[in-house]
Structures are given as structure tokens and as C-alpha cells.
Amino acid sequence: MDARTGASEPKGVDANPTVEIERIRYGAGLILAAFVFLLIVMVVAITQFDSAADVTAVVGAVTGVVGTIIGAFFGVQVGSSGKESAEAERINAQKTALALAAKLDPSEADAIIDMIR
């Protein structure tokens, strides 16, 4: 809780930049693991199938699924980061509004509230 304004910070907002660094590390690890997995699939497909069309079909199917999963992961991460940023901006605006309201003359406050409604 902020002593000046009385506003409380929501639990979901983390101003710690190490969270973003961890997201980047986790994402990089996920991409590396996907490349290793795709390499293994490609090697197995090449050794198991004689036809280039069969190898392409197997590798293409696996690549599509892996790419979709990684794309979904990063989409969720970007959305989560945007939500956290918007929430932090909202908190900042609320603190500013409360600080300004605390300095406002009570007789002027009623007129401003009526004007807003």
C-alpha cells in the first residue's frame, strides 16, 4: 500500500526486470530444444525413408506442430507482458490522480466531479 495515496499495488504486477530476463532465457531454451528435436526428427526420417517425399512429409508435419506450439508460447508471453505494462501504467495514473485530488480544494472538487459525470 502506498503511504501517500492509500492505493494498493495489485499482486500480478511485478516491476522486477529479472522476470523479463527469465522469459527471454526460457524462450531461448525452448527454441534451442525445438531445433534439436527437429534435427533428430530429420535424421530419423532420412534414415527410415528412402523417398524424399516421405522425408519431407514427416519433417514438414512435425515442423508445423512445433512451430505452432512455439508461436503460441511467444504470443502468450507478449500478451502477458503487454497486460503487465498496461496495469503498471494504470497504477501510475491512479497514483497521480489521487495525489492531485489530495491537493484539490474541496469546494472545487464537487464542480469537477459534476463536470465529469
C-alpha atoms as a PDB file:
ATOM      1  CA  MET A   1       0.000   0.000   0.000  1.00  0.00           C
ATOM      2  CA  ASP A   2       1.284   3.452  -0.910  1.00  0.00           C
ATOM      3  CA  ALA A   3       1.526   5.709   2.162  1.00  0.00           C
ATOM      4  CA  ARG A   4       0.923   8.894   0.144  1.00  0.00           C
ATOM      5  CA  THR A   5      -2.162   7.884  -1.806  1.00  0.00           C
ATOM      6  CA  GLY A   6      -3.551   4.871   0.014  1.00  0.00           C
ATOM      7  CA  ALA A   7      -3.580   2.883  -3.239  1.00  0.00           C
ATOM      8  CA  SER A   8      -2.587  -0.743  -3.116  1.00  0.00           C
ATOM      9  CA  GLU A   9      -0.497  -2.427  -5.773  1.00  0.00           C
ATOM     10  CA  PRO A  10      -2.123  -5.422  -7.469  1.00  0.00           C
ATOM     11  CA  LYS A  11      -0.461  -8.758  -6.879  1.00  0.00           C
ATOM     12  CA  GLY A  12       0.006  -9.535 -10.588  1.00  0.00           C
ATOM     13  CA  VAL A  13       2.237  -6.562 -11.355  1.00  0.00           C
ATOM     14  CA  ASP A  14       5.930  -7.247 -10.977  1.00  0.00           C
ATOM     15  CA  ALA A  15       8.236  -4.309 -11.624  1.00  0.00           C
ATOM     16  CA  ASN A  16      11.257  -6.614 -11.354  1.00  0.00           C
ATOM     17  CA  PRO A  17      13.164  -6.733 -14.683  1.00  0.00           C
ATOM     18  CA  THR A  18      14.531 -10.188 -13.879  1.00  0.00           C
ATOM     19  CA  VAL A  19      11.120 -11.622 -14.804  1.00  0.00           C
ATOM     20  CA  GLU A  20      11.599 -10.416 -18.377  1.00  0.00           C
ATOM     21  CA  ILE A  21      15.127 -11.843 -18.460  1.00  0.00           C
ATOM     22  CA  GLU A  22      13.802 -15.213 -17.277  1.00  0.00           C
ATOM     23  CA  ARG A  23      11.156 -15.137 -20.009  1.00  0.00           C
ATOM     24  CA  ILE A  24      13.844 -14.491 -22.606  1.00  0.00           C
ATOM     25  CA  ARG A  25      16.037 -17.304 -21.255  1.00  0.00           C
ATOM     26  CA  TYR A  26      13.113 -19.712 -21.158  1.00  0.00           C
ATOM     27  CA  GLY A  27      12.130 -18.761 -24.707  1.00  0.00           C
ATOM     28  CA  ALA A  28      15.692 -19.191 -25.967  1.00  0.00           C
ATOM     29  CA  GLY A  29      15.852 -22.614 -24.314  1.00  0.00           C
ATOM     30  CA  LEU A  30      12.554 -23.553 -25.902  1.00  0.00           C
ATOM     31  CA  ILE A  31      13.793 -22.552 -29.355  1.00  0.00           C
ATOM     32  CA  LEU A  32      17.048 -24.472 -28.867  1.00  0.00           C
ATOM     33  CA  ALA A  33      15.147 -27.566 -27.738  1.00  0.00           C
ATOM     34  CA  ALA A  34      12.844 -27.272 -30.764  1.00  0.00           C
ATOM     35  CA  PHE A  35      15.815 -27.097 -33.141  1.00  0.00           C
ATOM     36  CA  VAL A  36      17.402 -30.147 -31.520  1.00  0.00           C
ATOM     37  CA  PHE A  37      14.101 -32.027 -31.702  1.00  0.00           C
ATOM     38  CA  LEU A  38      13.618 -31.107 -35.359  1.00  0.00           C
ATOM     39  CA  LEU A  39      17.186 -32.187 -36.138  1.00  0.00           C
ATOM     40  CA  ILE A  40      16.531 -35.567 -34.502  1.00  0.00           C
ATOM     41  CA  VAL A  41      13.277 -35.970 -36.432  1.00  0.00           C
ATOM     42  CA  MET A  42      15.034 -35.096 -39.677  1.00  0.00           C
ATOM     43  CA  VAL A  43      17.866 -37.583 -39.078  1.00  0.00           C
ATOM     44  CA  VAL A  44      15.431 -40.348 -38.132  1.00  0.00           C
ATOM     45  CA  ALA A  45      13.239 -39.581 -41.154  1.00  0.00           C
ATOM     46  CA  ILE A  46      16.230 -39.652 -43.507  1.00  0.00           C
ATOM     47  CA  THR A  47      17.401 -42.993 -42.145  1.00  0.00           C
ATOM     48  CA  GLN A  48      13.912 -44.583 -42.140  1.00  0.00           C
ATOM     49  CA  PHE A  49      12.534 -43.426 -45.501  1.00  0.00           C
ATOM     50  CA  ASP A  50      14.005 -43.832 -48.971  1.00  0.00           C
ATOM     51  CA  SER A  51      11.816 -41.315 -50.742  1.00  0.00           C
ATOM     52  CA  ALA A  52      12.449 -37.583 -50.408  1.00  0.00           C
ATOM     53  CA  ALA A  53       8.685 -37.023 -50.462  1.00  0.00           C
ATOM     54  CA  ASP A  54       8.258 -39.208 -47.370  1.00  0.00           C
ATOM     55  CA  VAL A  55      11.036 -37.383 -45.508  1.00  0.00           C
ATOM     56  CA  THR A  56       9.526 -34.027 -46.475  1.00  0.00           C
ATOM     57  CA  ALA A  57       6.084 -35.119 -45.316  1.00  0.00           C
ATOM     58  CA  VAL A  58       7.309 -36.281 -41.901  1.00  0.00           C
ATOM     59  CA  VAL A  59       9.611 -33.327 -41.263  1.00  0.00           C
ATOM     60  CA  GLY A  60       7.001 -30.872 -42.557  1.00  0.00           C
ATOM     61  CA  ALA A  61       4.279 -32.242 -40.293  1.00  0.00           C
ATOM     62  CA  VAL A  62       6.487 -32.124 -37.202  1.00  0.00           C
ATOM     63  CA  THR A  63       7.824 -28.671 -38.089  1.00  0.00           C
ATOM     64  CA  GLY A  64       4.287 -27.322 -38.404  1.00  0.00           C
ATOM     65  CA  VAL A  65       3.270 -28.598 -34.981  1.00  0.00           C
ATOM     66  CA  VAL A  66       6.458 -27.439 -33.248  1.00  0.00           C
ATOM     67  CA  GLY A  67       6.243 -24.038 -34.920  1.00  0.00           C
ATOM     68  CA  THR A  68       2.627 -23.642 -33.827  1.00  0.00           C
ATOM     69  CA  ILE A  69       3.436 -24.508 -30.223  1.00  0.00           C
ATOM     70  CA  ILE A  70       6.400 -22.117 -30.087  1.00  0.00           C
ATOM     71  CA  GLY A  71       4.342 -19.369 -31.746  1.00  0.00           C
ATOM     72  CA  ALA A  72       1.591 -19.844 -29.179  1.00  0.00           C
ATOM     73  CA  PHE A  73       4.115 -19.691 -26.338  1.00  0.00           C
ATOM     74  CA  PHE A  74       5.571 -16.403 -27.544  1.00  0.00           C
ATOM     75  CA  GLY A  75       2.111 -14.999 -28.255  1.00  0.00           C
ATOM     76  CA  VAL A  76       1.078 -15.667 -24.664  1.00  0.00           C
ATOM     77  CA  GLN A  77       4.328 -14.130 -23.392  1.00  0.00           C
ATOM     78  CA  VAL A  78       3.838 -10.951 -25.425  1.00  0.00           C
ATOM     79  CA  GLY A  79       0.226 -10.678 -24.286  1.00  0.00           C
ATOM     80  CA  SER A  80       1.203 -11.178 -20.667  1.00  0.00           C
ATOM     81  CA  SER A  81       3.954  -8.588 -20.922  1.00  0.00           C
ATOM     82  CA  GLY A  82       1.555  -6.090 -22.505  1.00  0.00           C
ATOM     83  CA  LYS A  83      -1.006  -6.681 -19.759  1.00  0.00           C
ATOM     84  CA  GLU A  84       1.595  -6.115 -17.064  1.00  0.00           C
ATOM     85  CA  SER A  85       2.753  -2.921 -18.769  1.00  0.00           C
ATOM     86  CA  ALA A  86      -0.813  -1.619 -19.067  1.00  0.00           C
ATOM     87  CA  GLU A  87      -1.516  -2.461 -15.437  1.00  0.00           C
ATOM     88  CA  ALA A  88       1.625  -0.627 -14.312  1.00  0.00           C
ATOM     89  CA  GLU A  89       0.578   2.437 -16.330  1.00  0.00           C
ATOM     90  CA  ARG A  90      -2.894   2.292 -14.790  1.00  0.00           C
ATOM     91  CA  ILE A  91      -1.423   2.200 -11.299  1.00  0.00           C
ATOM     92  CA  ASN A  92       0.821   5.157 -12.105  1.00  0.00           C
ATOM     93  CA  ALA A  93      -2.135   7.157 -13.451  1.00  0.00           C
ATOM     94  CA  GLN A  94      -4.209   6.279 -10.391  1.00  0.00           C
ATOM     95  CA  LYS A  95      -1.445   7.395  -8.038  1.00  0.00           C
ATOM     96  CA  THR A  96      -1.086  10.668  -9.935  1.00  0.00           C
ATOM     97  CA  ALA A  97      -4.835  11.286  -9.866  1.00  0.00           C
ATOM     98  CA  LEU A  98      -5.028  10.569  -6.138  1.00  0.00           C
ATOM     99  CA  ALA A  99      -2.074  12.849  -5.397  1.00  0.00           C
ATOM    100  CA  LEU A 100      -3.666  15.662  -7.402  1.00  0.00           C
ATOM    101  CA  ALA A 101      -7.057  15.091  -5.782  1.00  0.00           C
ATOM    102  CA  ALA A 102      -5.474  15.300  -2.344  1.00  0.00           C
ATOM    103  CA  LYS A 103      -4.261  18.822  -3.138  1.00  0.00           C
ATOM    104  CA  LEU A 104      -7.592  19.974  -4.598  1.00  0.00           C
ATOM    105  CA  ASP A 105      -9.767  22.449  -2.730  1.00  0.00           C
ATOM    106  CA  PRO A 106     -12.959  20.630  -1.592  1.00  0.00           C
ATOM    107  CA  SER A 107     -15.205  23.369  -2.977  1.00  0.00           C
ATOM    108  CA  GLU A 108     -13.687  22.897  -6.452  1.00  0.00           C
ATOM    109  CA  ALA A 109     -13.859  19.095  -6.238  1.00  0.00           C
ATOM    110  CA  ASP A 110     -17.680  18.991  -6.402  1.00  0.00           C
ATOM    111  CA  ALA A 111     -17.724  21.128  -9.550  1.00  0.00           C
ATOM    112  CA  ILE A 112     -15.102  18.917 -11.232  1.00  0.00           C
ATOM    113  CA  ILE A 113     -16.961  15.713 -10.284  1.00  0.00           C
ATOM    114  CA  ASP A 114     -20.213  17.139 -11.696  1.00  0.00           C
ATOM    115  CA  MET A 115     -18.407  18.096 -14.902  1.00  0.00           C
ATOM    116  CA  ILE A 116     -17.002  14.563 -15.330  1.00  0.00           C
ATOM    117  CA  ARG A 117     -20.375  12.852 -14.857  1.00  0.00           C
END
